[in-house]
Protein backbone atom coordinates (compact mmCIF):
# COMPACT_ATOMS: atom_id res chain seq x y z
CA MET A 1 53.46 53.50 57.11
CA SER A 2 49.77 52.90 57.10
CA GLY A 3 49.61 53.71 53.39
CA GLY A 4 52.29 51.20 52.69
CA ASN A 5 50.52 48.48 54.53
CA ASN A 6 47.23 49.14 52.62
CA ALA A 7 49.04 48.95 49.32
CA GLY A 8 50.49 45.65 50.34
CA HIS A 9 47.15 44.23 51.16
CA ASP A 10 45.60 45.35 47.79
CA MET A 11 48.18 43.55 45.71
CA LEU A 12 47.29 40.07 44.30
CA THR A 13 49.79 37.29 44.04
CA PRO A 14 50.45 35.97 40.48
CA ALA A 15 48.62 32.74 41.33
CA GLU A 16 45.47 34.67 42.41
CA ALA A 17 45.64 36.93 39.31
CA GLY A 18 45.95 33.85 37.11
CA THR A 19 42.96 32.14 38.65
CA GLY A 20 40.67 35.11 38.17
CA GLY A 21 41.69 35.47 34.55
CA ALA A 22 41.05 31.81 33.81
CA THR A 23 37.61 32.08 35.35
CA ARG A 24 36.70 35.02 33.28
CA SER A 25 38.03 33.40 30.10
CA ARG A 26 36.04 30.20 30.71
CA ARG A 27 32.76 32.01 31.35
CA PRO A 28 31.74 32.48 27.62
CA LEU A 29 32.50 28.79 26.92
CA VAL A 30 30.29 27.73 29.81
CA ILE A 31 27.43 29.87 28.43
CA VAL A 32 27.84 28.36 24.92
CA LEU A 33 27.88 24.83 26.24
CA SER A 34 24.78 25.53 28.36
CA VAL A 35 22.93 26.81 25.29
CA VAL A 36 24.01 23.83 23.14
CA VAL A 37 22.95 21.36 25.87
CA GLY A 38 19.62 23.14 26.21
CA ILE A 39 18.99 23.05 22.46
CA ALA A 40 19.95 19.38 22.29
CA ALA A 41 17.59 18.60 25.10
CA LEU A 42 14.75 20.45 23.33
CA VAL A 43 15.50 18.67 20.05
CA GLY A 44 15.57 15.28 21.80
CA LEU A 45 12.25 16.06 23.53
CA PHE A 46 10.72 17.14 20.18
CA PHE A 47 11.67 13.83 18.56
CA VAL A 48 10.28 11.87 21.56
CA VAL A 49 7.01 13.78 21.31
CA ASP A 50 6.97 13.41 17.51
CA ALA A 51 7.41 9.67 17.85
CA ILE A 52 4.50 9.49 20.32
CA VAL A 53 2.33 11.56 18.04
CA ARG A 54 3.29 9.34 15.03
CA GLY A 55 2.15 6.22 16.89
CA ILE A 56 -1.14 7.90 17.89
CA ALA A 57 -1.68 9.16 14.35
CA GLU A 58 -1.04 5.70 12.87
CA GLN A 59 -3.47 4.12 15.23
CA ARG A 60 -6.08 6.76 14.53
CA VAL A 61 -5.84 6.31 10.76
CA ALA A 62 -6.14 2.54 11.13
CA GLU A 63 -9.32 2.94 13.27
CA GLU A 64 -10.82 5.31 10.71
CA ILE A 65 -10.14 2.92 7.86
CA VAL A 66 -11.80 0.07 9.76
CA GLY A 67 -14.79 2.24 10.56
CA GLN A 68 -15.24 3.11 6.85
CA LEU A 69 -14.99 -0.41 5.41
CA PRO A 70 -18.11 -1.82 3.70
CA GLU A 71 -20.03 -4.45 5.63
CA ASN A 72 -18.76 -7.23 3.34
CA VAL A 73 -15.06 -6.33 4.00
CA THR A 74 -13.07 -7.17 7.13
CA ALA A 75 -9.46 -6.29 7.83
CA THR A 76 -7.04 -5.46 10.63
CA PRO A 77 -4.78 -2.85 8.97
CA THR A 78 -1.37 -1.79 10.14
CA VAL A 79 -0.54 1.87 9.29
CA THR A 80 2.95 3.29 8.84
CA ILE A 81 3.39 7.05 8.34
CA GLY A 82 6.62 7.85 6.49
CA GLY A 83 8.38 11.17 5.91
CA THR A 84 9.92 13.50 8.45
CA SER A 85 8.20 15.05 11.44
CA VAL A 86 4.56 13.93 11.75
CA ILE A 87 3.85 17.14 13.63
CA ALA A 88 5.22 19.25 10.75
CA GLN A 89 3.25 17.12 8.21
CA TYR A 90 0.02 17.54 10.18
CA LEU A 91 0.50 21.27 10.46
CA GLY A 92 1.16 21.30 6.70
CA GLY A 93 -2.23 19.75 6.08
CA SER A 94 -1.23 16.34 4.65
CA PHE A 95 1.05 13.34 5.31
CA ASP A 96 3.84 12.71 2.76
CA ASP A 97 3.16 9.02 2.51
CA ILE A 98 1.22 6.37 4.30
CA THR A 99 1.45 2.59 3.95
CA ILE A 100 -1.47 0.40 4.94
CA GLU A 101 -0.92 -3.35 5.22
CA ALA A 102 -3.80 -5.80 5.79
CA PRO A 103 -2.66 -9.37 5.05
CA ASP A 104 -5.75 -10.78 6.69
CA SER A 105 -8.32 -9.00 4.53
CA VAL A 106 -11.53 -10.74 3.54
CA LEU A 107 -13.32 -9.17 0.59
CA ASP A 108 -16.91 -10.43 0.44
CA GLY A 109 -15.81 -13.76 1.74
CA ILE A 110 -12.67 -13.93 -0.38
CA PRO A 111 -9.33 -13.86 1.53
CA ALA A 112 -6.69 -11.52 0.17
CA ASP A 113 -3.36 -9.97 1.18
CA VAL A 114 -3.85 -6.27 0.64
CA THR A 115 -1.27 -3.42 0.76
CA LEU A 116 -2.01 0.21 -0.02
CA HIS A 117 0.38 3.18 -0.37
CA ALA A 118 -0.88 6.78 -0.47
CA THR A 119 1.04 10.01 -1.16
CA GLY A 120 -0.38 13.33 -0.13
CA PHE A 121 -2.80 11.88 2.42
CA PRO A 122 -4.83 14.85 3.66
CA VAL A 123 -5.56 15.59 7.29
CA ASP A 124 -9.03 16.67 6.20
CA GLY A 125 -10.82 13.50 5.26
CA THR A 126 -13.12 15.33 2.80
CA GLN A 127 -10.08 16.16 0.60
CA PRO A 128 -8.66 13.77 -2.01
CA VAL A 129 -5.48 11.74 -1.72
CA THR A 130 -2.95 12.89 -4.30
CA ALA A 131 -2.02 9.37 -5.48
CA LEU A 132 -3.00 5.85 -4.32
CA SER A 133 -1.52 2.54 -5.27
CA GLY A 134 -1.98 -0.92 -3.91
CA THR A 135 -1.69 -4.66 -4.40
CA ALA A 136 -4.15 -7.46 -3.71
CA THR A 137 -2.70 -11.00 -3.75
CA LEU A 138 -5.16 -13.90 -4.01
CA SER A 139 -4.35 -17.60 -3.80
CA GLU A 140 -5.48 -19.97 -6.51
CA ASP A 141 -8.27 -21.23 -4.23
CA ALA A 142 -9.39 -17.69 -3.45
CA LEU A 143 -9.46 -16.72 -7.08
CA ASN A 144 -11.57 -19.78 -7.96
CA GLN A 145 -14.01 -18.86 -5.17
CA LEU A 146 -14.46 -15.53 -6.95
CA ILE A 147 -14.78 -17.04 -10.38
CA GLU A 148 -17.31 -19.58 -9.21
CA ARG A 149 -19.81 -16.85 -8.42
CA THR A 150 -20.06 -15.64 -12.00
CA ALA A 151 -18.77 -18.59 -14.04
CA PRO A 152 -19.50 -21.96 -12.39
CA ASN A 153 -17.34 -24.87 -13.34
CA SER A 154 -14.66 -22.58 -14.78
CA ALA A 155 -11.91 -23.11 -12.27
CA VAL A 156 -8.51 -21.76 -13.24
CA GLN A 157 -5.00 -23.06 -12.70
CA LEU A 158 -2.19 -20.56 -12.27
CA GLY A 159 1.24 -20.98 -13.79
CA ASP A 160 4.30 -18.86 -14.44
CA GLY A 161 2.93 -15.72 -16.12
CA GLU A 162 -0.26 -17.38 -17.39
CA LEU A 163 -3.39 -19.23 -16.32
CA SER A 164 -5.56 -21.94 -17.78
CA TYR A 165 -9.22 -22.69 -17.42
CA ALA A 166 -11.50 -25.56 -18.37
CA ALA A 167 -14.46 -25.28 -20.72
CA SER A 168 -16.59 -27.50 -22.92
CA ALA A 169 -18.42 -27.34 -26.28
CA THR A 170 -20.59 -29.61 -28.31
CA PHE A 171 -19.21 -30.93 -31.66
CA PHE A 172 -21.13 -33.30 -33.96
CA GLY A 173 -23.60 -34.17 -31.27
CA PHE A 174 -21.23 -34.95 -28.43
CA THR A 175 -19.59 -32.84 -25.77
CA VAL A 176 -15.88 -32.19 -25.77
CA GLY A 177 -14.02 -30.80 -22.82
CA TYR A 178 -10.93 -28.63 -23.40
CA ARG A 179 -8.53 -26.43 -21.49
CA VAL A 180 -7.50 -22.93 -22.67
CA THR A 181 -4.25 -21.32 -21.65
CA GLY A 182 -3.95 -17.54 -21.71
CA GLU A 183 -1.99 -14.54 -20.60
CA LEU A 184 -3.40 -11.68 -18.51
CA GLU A 185 -3.05 -7.96 -19.24
CA ALA A 186 -4.29 -5.00 -17.21
CA ALA A 187 -6.49 -2.55 -19.14
CA GLY A 188 -7.82 -0.01 -16.68
CA ASP A 189 -11.38 -1.08 -15.88
CA HIS A 190 -10.90 -4.40 -17.67
CA VAL A 191 -8.51 -7.36 -17.64
CA LEU A 192 -7.66 -8.87 -21.06
CA VAL A 193 -7.13 -12.61 -21.43
CA THR A 194 -5.23 -13.48 -24.54
CA PRO A 195 -5.44 -17.20 -25.49
CA THR A 196 -2.08 -18.82 -26.12
CA GLY A 197 -3.26 -22.44 -26.60
CA ALA A 198 -6.11 -24.96 -26.27
CA ASP A 199 -6.06 -28.69 -25.71
CA VAL A 200 -8.87 -31.28 -25.76
CA THR A 201 -9.16 -32.91 -22.34
CA ALA A 202 -12.18 -35.25 -22.70
CA GLY A 203 -14.55 -36.57 -25.34
CA GLY A 204 -14.15 -36.55 -29.10
CA GLY A 205 -13.30 -40.20 -29.32
CA ASN A 206 -10.52 -40.81 -31.79
CA LEU A 207 -11.06 -37.51 -33.55
CA ASP A 208 -8.43 -34.79 -33.43
CA LEU A 209 -10.46 -31.70 -32.53
CA SER A 210 -7.64 -29.53 -31.36
CA ASN A 211 -7.74 -27.33 -34.45
CA LEU A 212 -11.49 -26.91 -34.09
CA VAL A 213 -11.13 -25.94 -30.44
CA GLU A 214 -8.54 -23.38 -31.34
CA MET A 215 -10.83 -21.90 -33.96
CA ILE A 216 -13.62 -21.56 -31.33
CA VAL A 217 -11.31 -20.05 -28.73
CA GLY A 218 -9.71 -17.73 -31.29
CA SER A 219 -6.68 -15.55 -30.77
CA GLU A 220 -8.32 -12.24 -29.86
CA PRO A 221 -8.21 -11.16 -26.22
CA VAL A 222 -11.27 -11.74 -24.07
CA SER A 223 -12.23 -8.68 -22.03
CA ILE A 224 -13.32 -9.18 -18.41
CA CYS A 225 -14.82 -6.29 -16.50
CA THR A 226 -13.00 -5.58 -13.15
CA ALA A 227 -14.50 -2.11 -12.39
CA GLN A 228 -17.60 -3.71 -10.89
CA TYR A 229 -15.46 -5.18 -8.09
CA LEU A 230 -13.49 -1.95 -7.34
CA PRO A 231 -14.38 1.50 -5.92
CA GLU A 232 -15.14 4.00 -8.68
CA GLY A 233 -11.91 5.62 -9.89
CA VAL A 234 -9.69 2.70 -9.03
CA GLU A 235 -8.17 0.91 -11.98
CA VAL A 236 -6.10 -2.26 -12.53
CA ALA A 237 -2.53 -1.14 -13.39
CA ASP A 238 -0.75 -4.55 -13.60
CA ILE A 239 -1.23 -8.27 -12.98
CA ASP A 240 1.49 -10.73 -11.90
CA VAL A 241 0.65 -14.39 -12.16
CA ALA A 242 2.76 -17.04 -10.41
CA PRO A 243 2.06 -20.67 -9.55
CA ASP A 244 -0.60 -20.74 -6.87
CA SER A 245 -1.20 -17.01 -6.59
CA ALA A 246 -2.05 -13.84 -8.54
CA THR A 247 -1.21 -10.27 -7.57
CA VAL A 248 -3.30 -7.42 -8.89
CA ARG A 249 -1.83 -3.92 -8.75
CA LEU A 250 -4.30 -1.03 -8.44
CA ALA A 251 -3.92 2.69 -8.93
CA ALA A 252 -5.94 5.84 -8.46
CA ALA A 253 -5.43 9.63 -8.29
CA ASP A 254 -7.29 12.42 -6.55
CA LEU A 255 -9.53 9.96 -4.69
CA VAL A 256 -11.40 10.91 -1.59
CA ILE A 257 -11.14 7.97 0.85
CA ASP A 258 -14.44 7.86 2.78
CA GLU A 259 -17.29 5.53 3.33
CA ASN A 260 -19.13 6.75 0.23
CA THR A 261 -16.16 6.16 -2.02
CA LEU A 262 -15.50 2.67 -0.71
CA ARG A 263 -19.15 1.70 -1.16
CA THR A 264 -19.52 3.12 -4.69
CA LEU A 265 -18.27 0.52 -7.15
CA GLY A 266 -17.39 1.29 -10.75
CA SER A 267 -19.00 0.04 -13.93
CA CYS A 268 -17.62 -1.04 -17.31
CA THR A 269 -18.39 0.73 -20.52
CA PRO A 270 -19.97 -1.53 -23.25
């Protein structure tokens, strides 16, 4: 009798048996979900940390740039680091691309809106940047401030794709003023000004001297050295002229960005 009673106690009801089976069948799913949640939490934490590191790195680069600027240049740059993980880029030794914007730049007293874009920006500041491009936009007033330093009384007026400047010459004992219109073309360490027209603006009395002025001006491009205003190795790649402003596009490759580079200006070949 006792054996029968024990057997009865050891038996599980169908409901109890079903509950235990469901628990055992759900156990692997719980483990998988726990692993997935854990990985997701780690990934989320990584991106949070990476975002913090990105912000610190951008601020650090901006501070280093300001610290290396020549004494005659002031700017408050904003740095944006592109690409994927900043941590991965740093560990790889260089940043994929960096954009530096300084709309409040003042270059030797001349205001300019400057933007630079670098690819392959090394973590080690003694190593060169793979490629560097940038733009500097000057208003008509700012451009004339620059021109006044080397060519007084030669103020320019900016138009759609061209500029004009005033000049004077002496013909038959009297002075004649005229204005030359020309197109700009980038040529590495020079900018070429190709005359497209010339008009007499003052003097000459009743004489028609327009043909004579055009003969003096000529049709051959006038070469203007730009290397003397730029760090050595930086060239003018393009120029866009619009009414009231001119944008110069610069380019360089394998350039080390440090104080010495920024202070060493180029020179034009004869």
